[in-house]
């Protein structure tokens, strides 16, 4: 058994293989045949929030803010690639890596994710139920939200990683194709396509930097990025021979994310820009279905609501998986369980993972019936905003240590992007905290 470095010591090169991981894929299959964690990440991270922020930005500025979305995609890619590279360099998960920077960090991360898990399931299941009840008015929202939360948890509970990856890939393909079709129909039926494309000229809104920051920070996920190393671990990518595949996988994830948000922006710009109509939240997004049906037809309305439902459902399933990994790994790190013995303490079939899944489900049901109290939602948003600057700062430290092999160590570009990520998400966290305190 390989000894695990004590907290505070630099990470050591990978010499062991974690228990229970899948065998590394053979080179004969080619890199595209073994991609998967990136699609899981894209399915998890592209949620209703991405649709809300991109549609809201398109309503006010057309396609002029695509540059902000592109910056967000590049920054989130740099974070995700660094998370995967850290695992391949050291054989340690991101939580274990945080523990080597400071013993308090896994404790803080555990607290953050515990709060997120308290409201996450209720928020997303309610939004998914809203779309479903808009599509089928006979379905009541609250019982539908309960059923959606239970089904999502069941998928995570019964599925090993291979099944989970396949389900998430299907979700990603379905919602991507749905949004592409909607974008094509919007372009084909708009009265002024030249005006739509003329709005592509980049601009910086005066006095509305919050919208720009929200677009940059809103693309992609939070818990999903931190959980990417667990999906890489399950895939069996352990050494430098899989480094290029991991980078291609994470690049595909954010290419798909950007194309999805691009299509959403096209739909928003075609239907909302210059009309005076806008959306103010998830409820407004669902309510957009009626004018969309009036403009594009009933089939487009059904496709929009179905895509919206799949977007939220896949984010809920992937989020449950990600949160349970983070919670169980934080717990085992706080207990001092070494990485070589981590499997019984954090794998999908382990007791801690399933107990935390039960926690997320019970919290979702309780908060749903309590009506999602505003203070809890504000706390969830504030706590979630702290994860990415914490993660960015830790990756800057961990991947610049001398104990990391040069092939895995940060290069100049990586350091610049991670530093920018730390500053950007730090500013966003301050903005979110100010809004939370002001709304309390």
Protein backbone atom coordinates (compact mmCIF):
# COMPACT_ATOMS: atom_id res chain seq x y z
CA UNK A 1 0.00 0.00 0.00
CA UNK A 2 1.39 3.41 -0.90
CA UNK A 3 1.51 5.88 1.93
CA UNK A 4 -0.56 9.02 1.56
CA UNK A 5 1.33 12.29 2.09
CA UNK A 6 0.38 14.17 5.22
CA UNK A 7 -1.68 17.33 4.82
CA UNK A 8 0.56 20.27 3.96
CA UNK A 9 3.14 18.21 2.04
CA UNK A 10 3.50 18.56 -1.73
CA UNK A 11 1.70 15.99 -3.88
CA UNK A 12 3.71 13.03 -5.06
CA UNK A 13 3.70 11.54 -8.57
CA UNK A 14 1.14 8.81 -9.10
CA UNK A 15 2.51 5.35 -8.39
CA UNK A 16 -0.61 3.37 -7.48
CA UNK A 17 -3.97 2.68 -9.04
CA UNK A 18 -7.17 3.41 -7.13
CA UNK A 19 -9.30 0.47 -6.18
CA UNK A 20 -12.40 -0.21 -8.20
CA UNK A 21 -11.65 1.98 -11.21
CA UNK A 22 -12.44 0.81 -14.70
CA UNK A 23 -9.59 -0.49 -16.87
CA UNK A 24 -7.94 2.10 -19.04
CA UNK A 25 -9.37 2.10 -22.56
CA UNK A 26 -7.23 0.68 -25.30
CA UNK A 27 -5.60 3.00 -27.81
CA UNK A 28 -7.06 1.06 -30.77
CA UNK A 29 -10.51 2.50 -30.07
CA UNK A 30 -9.31 6.05 -30.73
CA UNK A 31 -9.77 9.11 -28.51
CA UNK A 32 -13.31 9.99 -29.64
CA UNK A 33 -14.57 6.51 -28.72
CA UNK A 34 -13.58 6.89 -25.07
CA UNK A 35 -14.93 10.36 -24.32
CA UNK A 36 -17.57 10.45 -21.62
CA UNK A 37 -16.90 12.44 -18.42
CA UNK A 38 -17.07 15.66 -20.44
CA UNK A 39 -20.52 14.78 -21.74
CA UNK A 40 -21.60 14.00 -18.18
CA UNK A 41 -20.27 17.41 -17.16
CA UNK A 42 -22.05 19.18 -20.02
CA UNK A 43 -25.34 17.44 -19.23
CA UNK A 44 -24.96 18.35 -15.55
CA UNK A 45 -23.73 21.91 -15.96
CA UNK A 46 -26.03 23.17 -18.72
CA UNK A 47 -29.15 23.86 -16.73
CA UNK A 48 -32.09 26.20 -16.50
CA UNK A 49 -29.76 28.92 -15.20
CA UNK A 50 -27.81 28.92 -18.47
CA UNK A 51 -31.03 29.23 -20.44
CA UNK A 52 -32.33 32.03 -18.22
CA UNK A 53 -29.13 34.12 -18.34
CA UNK A 54 -28.57 33.65 -22.09
CA UNK A 55 -32.20 34.40 -22.95
CA UNK A 56 -32.24 37.42 -20.65
CA UNK A 57 -29.02 38.70 -22.24
CA UNK A 58 -30.41 38.11 -25.74
CA UNK A 59 -33.63 39.95 -24.85
CA UNK A 60 -31.70 43.09 -23.94
CA UNK A 61 -28.71 42.98 -26.27
CA UNK A 62 -29.41 40.48 -29.05
CA UNK A 63 -26.27 38.48 -29.82
CA UNK A 64 -23.88 41.25 -28.80
CA UNK A 65 -22.82 39.51 -25.57
CA UNK A 66 -21.64 36.23 -27.09
CA UNK A 67 -18.09 37.36 -26.33
CA UNK A 68 -18.90 37.20 -22.60
CA UNK A 69 -20.27 33.66 -22.98
CA UNK A 70 -17.11 32.65 -24.87
CA UNK A 71 -14.92 34.03 -22.07
CA UNK A 72 -16.96 32.06 -19.55
CA UNK A 73 -16.53 28.85 -21.56
CA UNK A 74 -12.75 29.31 -21.83
CA UNK A 75 -12.36 30.02 -18.11
CA UNK A 76 -14.55 27.08 -17.09
CA UNK A 77 -12.59 24.80 -19.47
CA UNK A 78 -9.33 25.87 -17.81
CA UNK A 79 -10.77 25.00 -14.39
CA UNK A 80 -12.12 21.63 -15.52
CA UNK A 81 -8.92 20.63 -17.30
CA UNK A 82 -6.91 21.55 -14.21
CA UNK A 83 -9.19 19.43 -11.99
CA UNK A 84 -8.68 16.42 -14.28
CA UNK A 85 -4.95 17.06 -14.56
CA UNK A 86 -4.57 17.24 -10.78
CA UNK A 87 -6.06 13.77 -10.40
CA UNK A 88 -3.87 12.32 -13.15
CA UNK A 89 -0.76 13.95 -11.65
CA UNK A 90 -1.24 12.82 -8.06
CA UNK A 91 -3.95 10.13 -8.00
CA UNK A 92 -5.76 12.30 -5.49
CA UNK A 93 -9.23 13.78 -5.80
CA UNK A 94 -9.72 17.53 -5.70
CA UNK A 95 -10.96 17.35 -2.09
CA UNK A 96 -7.87 15.43 -1.00
CA UNK A 97 -5.82 18.05 -2.84
CA UNK A 98 -7.57 20.81 -0.91
CA UNK A 99 -6.64 19.00 2.30
CA UNK A 100 -2.96 19.23 1.36
CA UNK A 101 -3.28 23.02 1.05
CA UNK A 102 -5.04 23.44 4.38
CA UNK A 103 -6.80 21.04 6.73
CA UNK A 104 -9.71 23.45 7.10
CA UNK A 105 -10.48 23.47 3.35
CA UNK A 106 -12.22 20.05 3.13
CA UNK A 107 -14.26 21.04 6.20
CA UNK A 108 -15.29 24.31 4.55
CA UNK A 109 -16.05 22.54 1.28
CA UNK A 110 -18.14 19.95 3.13
CA UNK A 111 -20.16 22.74 4.73
CA UNK A 112 -20.64 24.53 1.42
CA UNK A 113 -21.83 21.43 -0.41
CA UNK A 114 -24.06 20.41 2.50
CA UNK A 115 -25.94 23.70 2.16
CA UNK A 116 -26.15 23.33 -1.63
CA UNK A 117 -27.54 19.82 -1.21
CA UNK A 118 -30.19 21.21 1.11
CA UNK A 119 -31.88 23.26 -1.63
CA UNK A 120 -30.54 21.90 -4.94
CA UNK A 121 -33.02 19.08 -5.45
CA UNK A 122 -36.05 21.17 -4.51
CA UNK A 123 -35.08 24.05 -6.78
CA UNK A 124 -34.43 21.96 -9.89
CA UNK A 125 -37.27 19.50 -9.42
CA UNK A 126 -39.69 22.43 -9.00
CA UNK A 127 -38.45 24.07 -12.20
CA UNK A 128 -38.67 20.79 -14.12
CA UNK A 129 -42.18 20.23 -12.76
CA UNK A 130 -43.14 23.74 -13.86
CA UNK A 131 -42.14 22.94 -17.44
CA UNK A 132 -43.94 19.61 -17.30
CA UNK A 133 -47.16 21.11 -15.93
CA UNK A 134 -47.02 23.87 -18.56
CA UNK A 135 -46.79 21.17 -21.20
CA UNK A 136 -49.46 19.02 -19.52
CA UNK A 137 -51.69 21.34 -17.45
CA UNK A 138 -53.44 18.38 -15.81
CA UNK A 139 -50.23 17.61 -13.84
CA UNK A 140 -49.97 19.48 -10.50
CA UNK A 141 -46.60 21.13 -9.91
CA UNK A 142 -45.79 20.02 -6.36
CA UNK A 143 -46.51 16.27 -6.72
CA UNK A 144 -44.69 16.34 -10.06
CA UNK A 145 -41.66 17.91 -8.39
CA UNK A 146 -41.65 15.16 -5.76
CA UNK A 147 -41.86 12.45 -8.44
CA UNK A 148 -39.05 14.04 -10.48
CA UNK A 149 -36.77 14.24 -7.43
CA UNK A 150 -37.42 10.58 -6.57
CA UNK A 151 -36.84 9.36 -10.15
CA UNK A 152 -33.61 11.38 -10.42
CA UNK A 153 -32.31 9.93 -7.16
CA UNK A 154 -33.25 6.41 -8.30
CA UNK A 155 -31.17 6.81 -11.47
CA UNK A 156 -28.16 7.78 -9.36
CA UNK A 157 -28.81 5.02 -6.80
CA UNK A 158 -29.13 2.03 -9.12
CA UNK A 159 -26.67 3.04 -11.81
CA UNK A 160 -23.00 2.23 -11.88
CA UNK A 161 -20.85 4.80 -13.64
CA UNK A 162 -21.15 3.18 -17.09
CA UNK A 163 -24.94 3.31 -16.98
CA UNK A 164 -24.90 6.79 -15.47
CA UNK A 165 -22.63 8.05 -18.27
CA UNK A 166 -24.88 6.57 -20.95
CA UNK A 167 -28.02 8.10 -19.43
CA UNK A 168 -26.36 11.51 -19.16
CA UNK A 169 -25.04 11.30 -22.73
CA UNK A 170 -28.57 10.59 -23.98
CA UNK A 171 -29.86 13.57 -22.01
CA UNK A 172 -27.14 15.77 -23.50
CA UNK A 173 -27.80 14.64 -27.06
CA UNK A 174 -31.59 15.07 -26.74
CA UNK A 175 -31.53 18.56 -25.28
CA UNK A 176 -28.75 19.70 -27.64
CA UNK A 177 -30.69 18.53 -30.70
CA UNK A 178 -33.87 20.13 -29.37
CA UNK A 179 -32.22 23.52 -28.97
CA UNK A 180 -30.49 23.28 -32.37
CA UNK A 181 -33.85 22.61 -34.05
CA UNK A 182 -35.41 25.58 -32.23
CA UNK A 183 -32.55 27.85 -33.32
CA UNK A 184 -32.88 26.74 -36.95
CA UNK A 185 -36.65 27.28 -36.89
CA UNK A 186 -36.15 30.72 -35.34
CA UNK A 187 -33.71 31.72 -38.08
CA UNK A 188 -35.99 30.35 -40.78
CA UNK A 189 -39.10 32.19 -39.56
CA UNK A 190 -37.70 35.50 -38.29
CA UNK A 191 -38.85 38.58 -40.21
CA UNK A 192 -35.45 40.26 -40.11
CA UNK A 193 -32.57 37.75 -40.12
CA UNK A 194 -30.07 40.46 -41.13
CA UNK A 195 -31.05 42.47 -38.07
CA UNK A 196 -30.48 39.38 -35.93
CA UNK A 197 -26.96 38.91 -37.23
CA UNK A 198 -26.20 42.63 -37.09
CA UNK A 199 -26.61 42.36 -33.32
CA UNK A 200 -23.53 40.12 -33.27
CA UNK A 201 -21.28 43.18 -33.04
CA UNK A 202 -19.66 42.95 -29.59
CA UNK A 203 -20.62 45.64 -27.12
CA UNK A 204 -20.08 46.46 -23.47
CA UNK A 205 -23.35 47.50 -21.85
CA UNK A 206 -23.11 50.78 -19.99
CA UNK A 207 -24.10 50.50 -16.36
CA UNK A 208 -25.00 46.82 -16.66
CA UNK A 209 -21.80 44.96 -15.86
CA UNK A 210 -23.75 42.62 -13.58
CA UNK A 211 -25.42 41.10 -16.67
CA UNK A 212 -22.02 40.58 -18.31
CA UNK A 213 -20.55 39.01 -15.17
CA UNK A 214 -23.61 36.77 -14.82
CA UNK A 215 -23.19 35.57 -18.40
CA UNK A 216 -19.49 34.84 -17.89
CA UNK A 217 -20.02 33.07 -14.58
CA UNK A 218 -23.29 31.40 -15.49
CA UNK A 219 -22.01 29.27 -18.37
CA UNK A 220 -21.28 25.75 -17.19
CA UNK A 221 -21.54 24.51 -13.64
CA UNK A 222 -20.05 24.70 -10.17
CA UNK A 223 -20.33 21.37 -8.36
CA UNK A 224 -19.95 19.58 -11.70
CA UNK A 225 -16.52 21.12 -12.29
CA UNK A 226 -15.32 20.10 -8.84
CA UNK A 227 -16.67 16.57 -9.48
CA UNK A 228 -14.98 16.09 -12.85
CA UNK A 229 -12.07 14.22 -11.23
CA UNK A 230 -14.47 11.56 -9.91
CA UNK A 231 -15.82 10.85 -13.39
CA UNK A 232 -12.27 10.78 -14.78
CA UNK A 233 -11.39 8.36 -11.98
CA UNK A 234 -14.36 6.11 -12.83
CA UNK A 235 -13.33 6.18 -16.49
CA UNK A 236 -9.92 4.77 -15.56
CA UNK A 237 -7.79 7.68 -16.84
CA UNK A 238 -4.79 7.46 -14.53
CA UNK A 239 -1.58 8.52 -16.24
CA UNK A 240 -0.03 10.72 -18.89
CA UNK A 241 -1.05 8.36 -21.72
CA UNK A 242 -4.63 9.59 -21.14
CA UNK A 243 -3.78 13.27 -20.65
CA UNK A 244 -4.59 14.23 -24.25
CA UNK A 245 -7.83 12.26 -24.14
CA UNK A 246 -8.87 14.02 -20.93
CA UNK A 247 -8.14 17.41 -22.46
CA UNK A 248 -10.11 16.52 -25.59
CA UNK A 249 -12.95 15.26 -23.42
CA UNK A 250 -13.18 18.49 -21.41
CA UNK A 251 -12.83 20.55 -24.61
CA UNK A 252 -15.74 18.66 -26.19
CA UNK A 253 -17.76 19.36 -23.04
CA UNK A 254 -17.39 23.11 -23.36
CA UNK A 255 -17.72 23.11 -27.14
CA UNK A 256 -21.13 21.46 -26.70
CA UNK A 257 -21.95 23.91 -23.90
CA UNK A 258 -21.06 26.91 -26.05
CA UNK A 259 -23.08 25.64 -29.02
CA UNK A 260 -26.07 25.02 -26.76
CA UNK A 261 -25.92 28.52 -25.29
CA UNK A 262 -25.35 29.95 -28.79
CA UNK A 263 -28.56 28.30 -29.98
CA UNK A 264 -30.39 29.58 -26.90
CA UNK A 265 -29.11 33.08 -27.66
CA UNK A 266 -30.35 32.81 -31.25
CA UNK A 267 -33.81 31.81 -30.00
CA UNK A 268 -33.83 34.62 -27.45
CA UNK A 269 -32.62 37.24 -29.90
CA UNK A 270 -35.11 36.14 -32.57
CA UNK A 271 -38.12 36.14 -30.25
CA UNK A 272 -37.34 38.78 -27.62
CA UNK A 273 -34.78 41.31 -28.88
CA UNK A 274 -36.44 44.63 -29.67
CA UNK A 275 -39.92 43.43 -28.66
CA UNK A 276 -39.90 44.73 -25.09
CA UNK A 277 -40.57 41.22 -23.77
CA UNK A 278 -38.13 39.69 -21.34
CA UNK A 279 -37.80 36.97 -18.71
CA UNK A 280 -37.02 37.53 -15.07
CA UNK A 281 -36.45 33.99 -13.80
CA UNK A 282 -37.20 30.32 -14.27
CA UNK A 283 -40.96 30.97 -14.17
CA UNK A 284 -40.58 33.57 -16.90
CA UNK A 285 -38.68 31.04 -18.98
CA UNK A 286 -41.55 28.57 -18.79
CA UNK A 287 -44.05 31.34 -19.54
CA UNK A 288 -42.12 32.17 -22.73
CA UNK A 289 -43.49 28.96 -24.21
CA UNK A 290 -46.85 30.56 -25.08
CA UNK A 291 -45.52 33.50 -27.14
CA UNK A 292 -42.97 31.13 -28.67
CA UNK A 293 -45.82 28.87 -29.76
CA UNK A 294 -47.67 31.85 -31.18
CA UNK A 295 -44.60 32.88 -33.21
CA UNK A 296 -43.27 29.48 -34.27
CA UNK A 297 -46.21 27.10 -33.88
CA UNK A 298 -47.41 24.52 -31.37
CA UNK A 299 -44.71 22.01 -32.31
CA UNK A 300 -42.02 24.54 -31.41
CA UNK A 301 -43.78 25.22 -28.10
CA UNK A 302 -43.79 21.50 -27.24
CA UNK A 303 -40.15 21.15 -28.33
CA UNK A 304 -39.13 24.14 -26.21
CA UNK A 305 -40.85 22.87 -23.08
CA UNK A 306 -39.55 19.34 -23.64
CA UNK A 307 -36.01 20.64 -24.07
CA UNK A 308 -36.37 22.84 -21.00
CA UNK A 309 -37.57 19.82 -19.00
CA UNK A 310 -34.65 17.65 -20.15
CA UNK A 311 -32.18 20.44 -19.41
CA UNK A 312 -33.39 20.65 -15.82
CA UNK A 313 -33.80 16.89 -15.32
CA UNK A 314 -30.28 16.11 -16.52
CA UNK A 315 -28.86 18.86 -14.29
CA UNK A 316 -30.76 17.34 -11.35
CA UNK A 317 -29.52 13.78 -11.97
CA UNK A 318 -25.93 14.88 -12.58
CA UNK A 319 -26.05 17.29 -9.66
CA UNK A 320 -27.19 14.60 -7.24
CA UNK A 321 -24.29 12.42 -8.38
CA UNK A 322 -21.78 15.27 -8.11
CA UNK A 323 -22.96 16.44 -4.69
CA UNK A 324 -22.85 12.92 -3.23
CA UNK A 325 -19.30 12.41 -4.51
CA UNK A 326 -18.17 15.71 -3.03
CA UNK A 327 -19.85 15.09 0.32
CA UNK A 328 -18.65 11.51 0.74
CA UNK A 329 -15.11 12.41 -0.37
CA UNK A 330 -15.02 15.41 1.97
CA UNK A 331 -16.09 13.18 4.84
CA UNK A 332 -13.49 10.51 4.16
CA UNK A 333 -10.78 13.20 3.77
CA UNK A 334 -11.73 14.73 7.12
CA UNK A 335 -11.58 11.25 8.65
CA UNK A 336 -8.06 10.76 7.27
CA UNK A 337 -8.86 7.75 5.07
CA UNK A 338 -6.01 7.43 2.53
CA UNK A 339 -6.66 7.53 -1.22
CA UNK A 340 -5.67 3.89 -1.67
CA UNK A 341 -8.54 2.89 0.64
CA UNK A 342 -11.07 5.44 -0.64
CA UNK A 343 -13.34 3.11 -2.62
CA UNK A 344 -15.57 1.85 0.26
CA UNK A 345 -15.96 5.43 1.51
CA UNK A 346 -16.87 7.39 -1.65
CA UNK A 347 -17.81 5.10 -4.55
CA UNK A 348 -21.36 5.21 -5.97
CA UNK A 349 -22.22 1.94 -4.24
CA UNK A 350 -20.71 2.95 -0.88
CA UNK A 351 -22.81 3.58 2.19
CA UNK A 352 -21.72 7.25 2.65
CA UNK A 353 -22.56 8.05 -0.99
CA UNK A 354 -26.04 6.55 -0.67
CA UNK A 355 -26.67 8.17 2.71
CA UNK A 356 -25.84 11.57 1.24
CA UNK A 357 -28.12 10.78 -1.69
CA UNK A 358 -30.88 10.12 0.85
CA UNK A 359 -30.05 13.45 2.49
CA UNK A 360 -30.40 15.30 -0.83
CA UNK A 361 -33.73 13.61 -1.59
CA UNK A 362 -35.23 14.16 1.87
CA UNK A 363 -34.10 17.80 1.78
CA UNK A 364 -35.65 18.21 -1.68
CA UNK A 365 -38.98 16.81 -0.52
CA UNK A 366 -38.99 18.85 2.69
CA UNK A 367 -38.12 22.14 1.01
CA UNK A 368 -40.63 21.48 -1.78
CA UNK A 369 -43.44 21.15 0.73
CA UNK A 370 -42.16 24.17 2.68
CA UNK A 371 -42.44 26.26 -0.47
CA UNK A 372 -38.72 26.97 -0.99
CA UNK A 373 -38.31 29.73 1.62
CA UNK A 374 -36.46 32.78 0.27
CA UNK A 375 -33.74 32.94 2.98
CA UNK A 376 -32.69 29.36 2.18
CA UNK A 377 -32.49 30.10 -1.54
CA UNK A 378 -30.40 33.21 -0.86
CA UNK A 379 -28.07 31.21 1.39
CA UNK A 380 -27.71 28.54 -1.30
CA UNK A 381 -26.77 31.16 -3.92
CA UNK A 382 -24.27 32.87 -1.64
CA UNK A 383 -22.57 29.63 -0.56
CA UNK A 384 -22.42 28.30 -4.12
CA UNK A 385 -20.69 31.46 -5.30
CA UNK A 386 -17.75 30.76 -2.97
CA UNK A 387 -16.82 27.37 -4.45
CA UNK A 388 -15.23 28.46 -7.74
CA UNK A 389 -12.82 31.10 -6.33
CA UNK A 390 -11.82 28.59 -3.65
CA UNK A 391 -11.25 25.92 -6.31
CA UNK A 392 -9.32 28.29 -8.61
CA UNK A 393 -6.99 29.40 -5.83
CA UNK A 394 -6.33 25.82 -4.70
CA UNK A 395 -5.52 24.68 -8.25
CA UNK A 396 -3.05 27.54 -8.63
CA UNK A 397 -1.22 26.30 -5.55
CA UNK A 398 -1.47 22.55 -6.15
CA UNK A 399 -0.43 22.52 -9.81
CA UNK A 400 2.58 24.82 -9.35
CA UNK A 401 4.29 22.71 -6.69
CA UNK A 402 7.70 21.27 -7.38
CA UNK A 403 6.48 17.78 -6.51
CA UNK A 404 4.22 17.80 -9.58
CA UNK A 405 5.80 16.31 -12.69
CA UNK A 406 6.51 18.98 -15.36
CA UNK A 407 4.05 17.40 -17.83
CA UNK A 408 1.22 18.02 -15.36
CA UNK A 409 2.38 21.34 -13.93
CA UNK A 410 0.66 24.59 -14.88
CA UNK A 411 2.09 26.41 -17.87
CA UNK A 412 1.91 30.18 -18.36
CA UNK A 413 -1.47 30.02 -20.10
CA UNK A 414 -2.93 27.82 -17.39
CA UNK A 415 -1.71 30.14 -14.64
CA UNK A 416 -3.12 33.18 -16.42
CA UNK A 417 -6.54 31.53 -16.89
CA UNK A 418 -6.69 30.20 -13.34
CA UNK A 419 -5.65 33.57 -11.96
CA UNK A 420 -8.32 35.26 -14.07
CA UNK A 421 -10.81 32.69 -12.86
CA UNK A 422 -9.88 33.39 -9.25
CA UNK A 423 -10.38 37.15 -9.71
CA UNK A 424 -13.54 36.82 -11.82
CA UNK A 425 -15.35 34.38 -9.56
CA UNK A 426 -14.12 36.23 -6.50
CA UNK A 427 -15.80 39.40 -7.80
CA UNK A 428 -18.96 37.44 -8.62
CA UNK A 429 -18.95 35.98 -5.10
CA UNK A 430 -18.72 39.48 -3.61
CA UNK A 431 -21.61 40.66 -5.81
CA UNK A 432 -23.70 37.64 -4.81
CA UNK A 433 -22.93 38.09 -1.11
CA UNK A 434 -23.90 41.77 -1.29
CA UNK A 435 -27.20 40.84 -2.97
CA UNK A 436 -27.83 38.18 -0.33
CA UNK A 437 -27.15 40.51 2.56
CA UNK A 438 -29.22 43.23 0.92
CA UNK A 439 -32.12 40.82 0.32
CA UNK A 440 -32.01 39.26 3.77
